[in-house]
């Protein structure tokens, strides 16, 4: 890992650097790392590493093993399903509220991010498409004016990224990912609150189904017979 040289407290910098290392696979799921070794790589003392580990543990990314270091966690199918349940609980009412409360500036930001999403998908930019997918969801929800809920959703998305990196390009193309948001955007442009909620719910459940099938093929510890629609359907109306 690169040493820390960004602004912010040492703990904040360490959280960001470890977070990136986990997402990039530099710190492998299932492996244990000593705080001393991590501190040495980052060029900091053990204290910010320990403090960062506590924050990452709350996010569900690591487990702290007393006097032994930290273990990078893998995500089970049950954890993924619970994460998607929470996303539905939060995103659906938030997006419905945002339709009526978003400012002109916030609506313009949705349009801007959607266009960037379209362009990334059209040129087959897998990494850019995944970033735009995340940014598009956040732009839609920002109009609900609940920053705390958005921070929780960012942590939930982090959990999914750690578990499977994303469905693009493993299980669908960048263009297919973009196209799966079409109904959401049409309803948003019409300012149809109920329609946005319904379309976003379908999209989230569809993505959960794809990701769980993908991980079941990749990891033998995943269950292959999970009925995602049955498990998550109670949150759709």
C-alpha atoms as a PDB file:
ATOM      1  CA  UNK A   1       0.000   0.000   0.000  1.00  0.00           C
ATOM      2  CA  UNK A   2       1.114   3.576  -0.663  1.00  0.00           C
ATOM      3  CA  UNK A   3       2.043   5.705   2.296  1.00  0.00           C
ATOM      4  CA  UNK A   4      -0.362   8.367   3.538  1.00  0.00           C
ATOM      5  CA  UNK A   5       0.143  11.928   2.382  1.00  0.00           C
ATOM      6  CA  UNK A   6      -3.400  13.320   2.035  1.00  0.00           C
ATOM      7  CA  UNK A   7      -5.104  16.035   4.115  1.00  0.00           C
ATOM      8  CA  UNK A   8      -7.186  15.126   7.157  1.00  0.00           C
ATOM      9  CA  UNK A   9      -6.416  13.511  10.483  1.00  0.00           C
ATOM     10  CA  UNK A  10      -4.206  10.433  10.457  1.00  0.00           C
ATOM     11  CA  UNK A  11      -7.182   8.279  11.408  1.00  0.00           C
ATOM     12  CA  UNK A  12      -9.315   9.671   8.565  1.00  0.00           C
ATOM     13  CA  UNK A  13      -6.480   9.148   6.098  1.00  0.00           C
ATOM     14  CA  UNK A  14      -5.903   5.614   7.362  1.00  0.00           C
ATOM     15  CA  UNK A  15      -9.588   4.734   7.045  1.00  0.00           C
ATOM     16  CA  UNK A  16      -9.609   5.983   3.448  1.00  0.00           C
ATOM     17  CA  UNK A  17      -6.425   4.128   2.526  1.00  0.00           C
ATOM     18  CA  UNK A  18      -7.472   0.824   4.115  1.00  0.00           C
ATOM     19  CA  UNK A  19     -10.928   1.165   2.591  1.00  0.00           C
ATOM     20  CA  UNK A  20      -9.407   1.547  -0.890  1.00  0.00           C
ATOM     21  CA  UNK A  21      -7.021  -1.351  -0.267  1.00  0.00           C
ATOM     22  CA  UNK A  22      -9.900  -3.650   0.683  1.00  0.00           C
ATOM     23  CA  UNK A  23     -11.960  -2.676  -2.369  1.00  0.00           C
ATOM     24  CA  UNK A  24      -8.943  -3.125  -4.646  1.00  0.00           C
ATOM     25  CA  UNK A  25      -8.115  -6.540  -3.184  1.00  0.00           C
ATOM     26  CA  UNK A  26      -4.742  -5.389  -1.821  1.00  0.00           C
ATOM     27  CA  UNK A  27      -5.963  -6.689   1.536  1.00  0.00           C
ATOM     28  CA  UNK A  28      -7.421 -10.103   0.782  1.00  0.00           C
ATOM     29  CA  UNK A  29     -10.742 -11.352   2.240  1.00  0.00           C
ATOM     30  CA  UNK A  30     -10.215 -13.976   4.934  1.00  0.00           C
ATOM     31  CA  UNK A  31      -6.620 -13.000   5.684  1.00  0.00           C
ATOM     32  CA  UNK A  32      -5.385 -11.556   8.966  1.00  0.00           C
ATOM     33  CA  UNK A  33      -3.000  -8.576   9.037  1.00  0.00           C
ATOM     34  CA  UNK A  34      -1.085  -7.236  11.993  1.00  0.00           C
ATOM     35  CA  UNK A  35      -1.593  -3.600  12.894  1.00  0.00           C
ATOM     36  CA  UNK A  36       2.180  -3.197  13.099  1.00  0.00           C
ATOM     37  CA  UNK A  37       2.648  -4.410   9.524  1.00  0.00           C
ATOM     38  CA  UNK A  38      -0.108  -2.143   8.219  1.00  0.00           C
ATOM     39  CA  UNK A  39       1.276   0.819  10.150  1.00  0.00           C
ATOM     40  CA  UNK A  40       4.719   0.161   8.669  1.00  0.00           C
ATOM     41  CA  UNK A  41       3.363   0.066   5.112  1.00  0.00           C
ATOM     42  CA  UNK A  42       1.412   3.290   5.616  1.00  0.00           C
ATOM     43  CA  UNK A  43       4.208   5.085   7.443  1.00  0.00           C
ATOM     44  CA  UNK A  44       2.153   5.827  10.563  1.00  0.00           C
ATOM     45  CA  UNK A  45       2.042   4.642  14.160  1.00  0.00           C
ATOM     46  CA  UNK A  46      -0.214   1.817  15.324  1.00  0.00           C
ATOM     47  CA  UNK A  47      -2.704   4.188  16.969  1.00  0.00           C
ATOM     48  CA  UNK A  48      -4.402   5.530  13.799  1.00  0.00           C
ATOM     49  CA  UNK A  49      -4.472   1.981  12.398  1.00  0.00           C
ATOM     50  CA  UNK A  50      -6.272   0.725  15.517  1.00  0.00           C
ATOM     51  CA  UNK A  51      -8.721   3.644  15.393  1.00  0.00           C
ATOM     52  CA  UNK A  52      -9.326   3.098  11.685  1.00  0.00           C
ATOM     53  CA  UNK A  53      -9.919  -0.617  12.314  1.00  0.00           C
ATOM     54  CA  UNK A  54     -12.709   0.250  14.753  1.00  0.00           C
ATOM     55  CA  UNK A  55     -14.452   2.314  12.084  1.00  0.00           C
ATOM     56  CA  UNK A  56     -14.000  -0.384   9.449  1.00  0.00           C
ATOM     57  CA  UNK A  57     -15.357  -2.969  11.891  1.00  0.00           C
ATOM     58  CA  UNK A  58     -18.533  -0.893  12.309  1.00  0.00           C
ATOM     59  CA  UNK A  59     -18.854  -0.891   8.514  1.00  0.00           C
ATOM     60  CA  UNK A  60     -18.646  -4.688   8.492  1.00  0.00           C
ATOM     61  CA  UNK A  61     -15.391  -4.776   6.528  1.00  0.00           C
ATOM     62  CA  UNK A  62     -13.017  -6.206   9.143  1.00  0.00           C
ATOM     63  CA  UNK A  63     -13.025  -8.162  12.384  1.00  0.00           C
ATOM     64  CA  UNK A  64     -10.610  -7.113  15.109  1.00  0.00           C
ATOM     65  CA  UNK A  65      -8.837 -10.092  16.696  1.00  0.00           C
ATOM     66  CA  UNK A  66      -7.402  -9.073  20.036  1.00  0.00           C
ATOM     67  CA  UNK A  67      -3.594  -9.058  20.116  1.00  0.00           C
ATOM     68  CA  UNK A  68      -3.510 -10.638  16.655  1.00  0.00           C
ATOM     69  CA  UNK A  69      -4.555  -7.900  14.225  1.00  0.00           C
ATOM     70  CA  UNK A  70      -7.489  -7.473  11.874  1.00  0.00           C
ATOM     71  CA  UNK A  71      -9.108  -9.984   9.555  1.00  0.00           C
ATOM     72  CA  UNK A  72     -10.654  -8.844   6.275  1.00  0.00           C
ATOM     73  CA  UNK A  73     -14.192 -10.181   6.140  1.00  0.00           C
ATOM     74  CA  UNK A  74     -15.952 -11.923   3.300  1.00  0.00           C
ATOM     75  CA  UNK A  75     -19.664 -11.309   2.849  1.00  0.00           C
ATOM     76  CA  UNK A  76     -22.202 -14.118   3.156  1.00  0.00           C
ATOM     77  CA  UNK A  77     -25.394 -14.404   1.124  1.00  0.00           C
ATOM     78  CA  UNK A  78     -27.387 -13.560   4.250  1.00  0.00           C
ATOM     79  CA  UNK A  79     -25.383 -10.382   4.818  1.00  0.00           C
ATOM     80  CA  UNK A  80     -25.941  -9.372   1.207  1.00  0.00           C
ATOM     81  CA  UNK A  81     -29.677  -9.979   1.473  1.00  0.00           C
ATOM     82  CA  UNK A  82     -29.900  -7.986   4.683  1.00  0.00           C
ATOM     83  CA  UNK A  83     -27.961  -5.193   3.001  1.00  0.00           C
ATOM     84  CA  UNK A  84     -30.400  -5.128   0.099  1.00  0.00           C
ATOM     85  CA  UNK A  85     -33.335  -5.174   2.509  1.00  0.00           C
ATOM     86  CA  UNK A  86     -31.908  -2.078   4.181  1.00  0.00           C
ATOM     87  CA  UNK A  87     -31.340  -0.427   0.809  1.00  0.00           C
ATOM     88  CA  UNK A  88     -34.978  -0.966  -0.116  1.00  0.00           C
ATOM     89  CA  UNK A  89     -36.150   0.295   3.278  1.00  0.00           C
ATOM     90  CA  UNK A  90     -34.159   3.496   2.820  1.00  0.00           C
ATOM     91  CA  UNK A  91     -33.980   4.190  -0.906  1.00  0.00           C
ATOM     92  CA  UNK A  92     -37.635   3.693  -1.817  1.00  0.00           C
ATOM     93  CA  UNK A  93     -39.197   6.221   0.594  1.00  0.00           C
ATOM     94  CA  UNK A  94     -36.271   8.587   0.066  1.00  0.00           C
ATOM     95  CA  UNK A  95     -36.581   8.633  -3.717  1.00  0.00           C
ATOM     96  CA  UNK A  96     -40.358   9.051  -3.477  1.00  0.00           C
ATOM     97  CA  UNK A  97     -39.833  12.059  -1.213  1.00  0.00           C
ATOM     98  CA  UNK A  98     -37.058  13.450  -3.401  1.00  0.00           C
ATOM     99  CA  UNK A  99     -39.348  13.677  -6.434  1.00  0.00           C
ATOM    100  CA  UNK A 100     -41.372  16.379  -4.717  1.00  0.00           C
ATOM    101  CA  UNK A 101     -38.615  18.073  -2.710  1.00  0.00           C
ATOM    102  CA  UNK A 102     -35.581  18.185  -5.028  1.00  0.00           C
ATOM    103  CA  UNK A 103     -34.451  21.674  -5.946  1.00  0.00           C
ATOM    104  CA  UNK A 104     -33.820  22.746  -9.539  1.00  0.00           C
ATOM    105  CA  UNK A 105     -30.096  22.460  -8.823  1.00  0.00           C
ATOM    106  CA  UNK A 106     -30.509  18.910  -7.504  1.00  0.00           C
ATOM    107  CA  UNK A 107     -32.619  17.914 -10.500  1.00  0.00           C
ATOM    108  CA  UNK A 108     -29.979  19.360 -12.827  1.00  0.00           C
ATOM    109  CA  UNK A 109     -27.374  17.238 -11.029  1.00  0.00           C
ATOM    110  CA  UNK A 110     -29.465  14.103 -11.654  1.00  0.00           C
ATOM    111  CA  UNK A 111     -29.517  14.996 -15.375  1.00  0.00           C
ATOM    112  CA  UNK A 112     -25.762  15.599 -15.408  1.00  0.00           C
ATOM    113  CA  UNK A 113     -24.925  12.313 -13.694  1.00  0.00           C
ATOM    114  CA  UNK A 114     -27.377  10.408 -15.889  1.00  0.00           C
ATOM    115  CA  UNK A 115     -25.659  11.760 -19.013  1.00  0.00           C
ATOM    116  CA  UNK A 116     -22.234  10.808 -17.632  1.00  0.00           C
ATOM    117  CA  UNK A 117     -23.671   7.342 -16.886  1.00  0.00           C
ATOM    118  CA  UNK A 118     -24.940   7.069 -20.489  1.00  0.00           C
ATOM    119  CA  UNK A 119     -21.593   8.065 -21.946  1.00  0.00           C
ATOM    120  CA  UNK A 120     -19.607   5.679 -19.738  1.00  0.00           C
ATOM    121  CA  UNK A 121     -21.879   2.797 -20.724  1.00  0.00           C
ATOM    122  CA  UNK A 122     -21.762   3.697 -24.422  1.00  0.00           C
ATOM    123  CA  UNK A 123     -17.964   3.563 -24.520  1.00  0.00           C
ATOM    124  CA  UNK A 124     -17.893   0.311 -22.534  1.00  0.00           C
ATOM    125  CA  UNK A 125     -16.131   1.835 -19.533  1.00  0.00           C
ATOM    126  CA  UNK A 126     -16.897  -0.796 -16.891  1.00  0.00           C
ATOM    127  CA  UNK A 127     -15.251   0.968 -13.949  1.00  0.00           C
ATOM    128  CA  UNK A 128     -16.711   4.333 -14.943  1.00  0.00           C
ATOM    129  CA  UNK A 129     -20.157   2.786 -15.334  1.00  0.00           C
ATOM    130  CA  UNK A 130     -20.052   1.375 -11.802  1.00  0.00           C
ATOM    131  CA  UNK A 131     -19.032   4.771 -10.433  1.00  0.00           C
ATOM    132  CA  UNK A 132     -21.808   6.491 -12.364  1.00  0.00           C
ATOM    133  CA  UNK A 133     -24.312   3.873 -11.174  1.00  0.00           C
ATOM    134  CA  UNK A 134     -23.437   4.769  -7.578  1.00  0.00           C
ATOM    135  CA  UNK A 135     -23.444   8.509  -8.301  1.00  0.00           C
ATOM    136  CA  UNK A 136     -26.811   8.322 -10.066  1.00  0.00           C
ATOM    137  CA  UNK A 137     -28.496   6.661  -7.108  1.00  0.00           C
ATOM    138  CA  UNK A 138     -26.984   9.202  -4.727  1.00  0.00           C
ATOM    139  CA  UNK A 139     -28.063  12.104  -6.953  1.00  0.00           C
ATOM    140  CA  UNK A 140     -31.645  10.818  -7.033  1.00  0.00           C
ATOM    141  CA  UNK A 141     -31.762  10.488  -3.255  1.00  0.00           C
ATOM    142  CA  UNK A 142     -30.064  13.767  -2.414  1.00  0.00           C
ATOM    143  CA  UNK A 143     -33.302  15.625  -3.025  1.00  0.00           C
ATOM    144  CA  UNK A 144     -34.817  13.986   0.052  1.00  0.00           C
ATOM    145  CA  UNK A 145     -32.385  16.093   2.140  1.00  0.00           C
ATOM    146  CA  UNK A 146     -31.360  13.388   4.601  1.00  0.00           C
ATOM    147  CA  UNK A 147     -27.574  13.285   4.715  1.00  0.00           C
ATOM    148  CA  UNK A 148     -27.439  10.710   7.483  1.00  0.00           C
ATOM    149  CA  UNK A 149     -29.446   8.216   5.422  1.00  0.00           C
ATOM    150  CA  UNK A 150     -27.121   8.776   2.472  1.00  0.00           C
ATOM    151  CA  UNK A 151     -24.092   7.970   4.625  1.00  0.00           C
ATOM    152  CA  UNK A 152     -25.719   4.697   5.723  1.00  0.00           C
ATOM    153  CA  UNK A 153     -26.422   3.836   2.089  1.00  0.00           C
ATOM    154  CA  UNK A 154     -22.800   4.534   1.146  1.00  0.00           C
ATOM    155  CA  UNK A 155     -21.723   1.964   3.754  1.00  0.00           C
ATOM    156  CA  UNK A 156     -24.206  -0.580   2.383  1.00  0.00           C
ATOM    157  CA  UNK A 157     -22.860  -0.077  -1.125  1.00  0.00           C
ATOM    158  CA  UNK A 158     -19.334  -0.558   0.219  1.00  0.00           C
ATOM    159  CA  UNK A 159     -20.353  -3.948   1.609  1.00  0.00           C
ATOM    160  CA  UNK A 160     -21.604  -5.023  -1.825  1.00  0.00           C
ATOM    161  CA  UNK A 161     -18.448  -3.774  -3.552  1.00  0.00           C
ATOM    162  CA  UNK A 162     -16.264  -5.736  -1.142  1.00  0.00           C
ATOM    163  CA  UNK A 163     -18.248  -8.924  -1.694  1.00  0.00           C
ATOM    164  CA  UNK A 164     -18.546  -8.950  -5.429  1.00  0.00           C
ATOM    165  CA  UNK A 165     -16.937  -5.818  -6.900  1.00  0.00           C
ATOM    166  CA  UNK A 166     -20.031  -5.404  -9.081  1.00  0.00           C
ATOM    167  CA  UNK A 167     -22.105  -7.128 -11.723  1.00  0.00           C
ATOM    168  CA  UNK A 168     -20.276  -5.289 -14.529  1.00  0.00           C
ATOM    169  CA  UNK A 169     -18.672  -6.810 -16.540  1.00  0.00           C
ATOM    170  CA  UNK A 170     -18.943 -10.270 -14.963  1.00  0.00           C
ATOM    171  CA  UNK A 171     -22.710 -10.742 -15.302  1.00  0.00           C
ATOM    172  CA  UNK A 172     -23.878  -7.876 -17.512  1.00  0.00           C
ATOM    173  CA  UNK A 173     -22.412  -5.276 -19.793  1.00  0.00           C
ATOM    174  CA  UNK A 174     -22.001  -1.604 -18.981  1.00  0.00           C
ATOM    175  CA  UNK A 175     -24.830  -0.839 -21.424  1.00  0.00           C
ATOM    176  CA  UNK A 176     -27.145  -3.375 -19.779  1.00  0.00           C
ATOM    177  CA  UNK A 177     -26.424  -1.807 -16.386  1.00  0.00           C
ATOM    178  CA  UNK A 178     -27.338   1.632 -17.708  1.00  0.00           C
ATOM    179  CA  UNK A 179     -30.454   0.339 -19.491  1.00  0.00           C
ATOM    180  CA  UNK A 180     -31.697  -1.226 -16.257  1.00  0.00           C
ATOM    181  CA  UNK A 181     -32.210   2.317 -14.922  1.00  0.00           C
ATOM    182  CA  UNK A 182     -34.362   3.456 -17.869  1.00  0.00           C
ATOM    183  CA  UNK A 183     -37.743   3.107 -16.143  1.00  0.00           C
ATOM    184  CA  UNK A 184     -36.408   4.903 -13.078  1.00  0.00           C
ATOM    185  CA  UNK A 185     -35.263   7.884 -15.101  1.00  0.00           C
ATOM    186  CA  UNK A 186     -38.451   8.129 -17.185  1.00  0.00           C
ATOM    187  CA  UNK A 187     -40.551   8.221 -14.010  1.00  0.00           C
ATOM    188  CA  UNK A 188     -38.173  10.783 -12.465  1.00  0.00           C
ATOM    189  CA  UNK A 189     -38.498  13.086 -15.484  1.00  0.00           C
ATOM    190  CA  UNK A 190     -42.291  12.809 -15.246  1.00  0.00           C
ATOM    191  CA  UNK A 191     -42.101  13.649 -11.524  1.00  0.00           C
ATOM    192  CA  UNK A 192     -44.071  10.467 -10.899  1.00  0.00           C
ATOM    193  CA  UNK A 193     -43.188   9.712  -7.262  1.00  0.00           C
ATOM    194  CA  UNK A 194     -44.997   6.361  -7.092  1.00  0.00           C
ATOM    195  CA  UNK A 195     -43.551   5.350 -10.459  1.00  0.00           C
ATOM    196  CA  UNK A 196     -39.990   6.177  -9.402  1.00  0.00           C
ATOM    197  CA  UNK A 197     -40.392   4.184  -6.220  1.00  0.00           C
ATOM    198  CA  UNK A 198     -41.782   1.161  -8.075  1.00  0.00           C
ATOM    199  CA  UNK A 199     -39.113   1.246 -10.807  1.00  0.00           C
ATOM    200  CA  UNK A 200     -36.262   1.686  -8.343  1.00  0.00           C
ATOM    201  CA  UNK A 201     -37.544  -1.234  -6.278  1.00  0.00           C
ATOM    202  CA  UNK A 202     -37.599  -3.487  -9.341  1.00  0.00           C
ATOM    203  CA  UNK A 203     -34.092  -2.378 -10.276  1.00  0.00           C
ATOM    204  CA  UNK A 204     -32.617  -3.045  -6.825  1.00  0.00           C
ATOM    205  CA  UNK A 205     -34.196  -6.526  -6.586  1.00  0.00           C
ATOM    206  CA  UNK A 206     -32.998  -7.351 -10.105  1.00  0.00           C
ATOM    207  CA  UNK A 207     -29.449  -6.279  -9.267  1.00  0.00           C
ATOM    208  CA  UNK A 208     -29.513  -8.315  -6.047  1.00  0.00           C
ATOM    209  CA  UNK A 209     -30.589 -11.395  -8.021  1.00  0.00           C
ATOM    210  CA  UNK A 210     -27.786 -10.975 -10.549  1.00  0.00           C
ATOM    211  CA  UNK A 211     -25.127 -10.409  -7.896  1.00  0.00           C
ATOM    212  CA  UNK A 212     -26.149 -13.384  -5.773  1.00  0.00           C
ATOM    213  CA  UNK A 213     -26.214 -15.696  -8.815  1.00  0.00           C
ATOM    214  CA  UNK A 214     -22.790 -14.365  -9.770  1.00  0.00           C
ATOM    215  CA  UNK A 215     -21.316 -14.962  -6.323  1.00  0.00           C
ATOM    216  CA  UNK A 216     -22.910 -18.422  -6.102  1.00  0.00           C
ATOM    217  CA  UNK A 217     -20.991 -19.416  -9.217  1.00  0.00           C
ATOM    218  CA  UNK A 218     -17.752 -17.886  -7.947  1.00  0.00           C
ATOM    219  CA  UNK A 219     -17.904 -18.985  -4.304  1.00  0.00           C
ATOM    220  CA  UNK A 220     -18.997 -22.470  -3.200  1.00  0.00           C
ATOM    221  CA  UNK A 221     -20.017 -21.158   0.241  1.00  0.00           C
ATOM    222  CA  UNK A 222     -22.856 -19.170  -1.331  1.00  0.00           C
ATOM    223  CA  UNK A 223     -26.321 -20.727  -1.493  1.00  0.00           C
ATOM    224  CA  UNK A 224     -27.578 -21.223  -5.043  1.00  0.00           C
ATOM    225  CA  UNK A 225     -31.252 -21.782  -4.224  1.00  0.00           C
ATOM    226  CA  UNK A 226     -32.072 -18.396  -2.672  1.00  0.00           C
ATOM    227  CA  UNK A 227     -35.312 -16.904  -4.006  1.00  0.00           C
ATOM    228  CA  UNK A 228     -34.340 -13.244  -3.968  1.00  0.00           C
ATOM    229  CA  UNK A 229     -37.745 -12.005  -5.148  1.00  0.00           C
ATOM    230  CA  UNK A 230     -39.486 -13.903  -2.367  1.00  0.00           C
ATOM    231  CA  UNK A 231     -37.012 -12.658   0.218  1.00  0.00           C
ATOM    232  CA  UNK A 232     -37.137  -8.986  -0.826  1.00  0.00           C
ATOM    233  CA  UNK A 233     -40.602  -8.769  -2.338  1.00  0.00           C
ATOM    234  CA  UNK A 234     -42.300  -7.807   0.927  1.00  0.00           C
ATOM    235  CA  UNK A 235     -40.563  -4.435   0.713  1.00  0.00           C
ATOM    236  CA  UNK A 236     -42.153  -3.613  -2.634  1.00  0.00           C
ATOM    237  CA  UNK A 237     -45.672  -2.294  -2.869  1.00  0.00           C
END
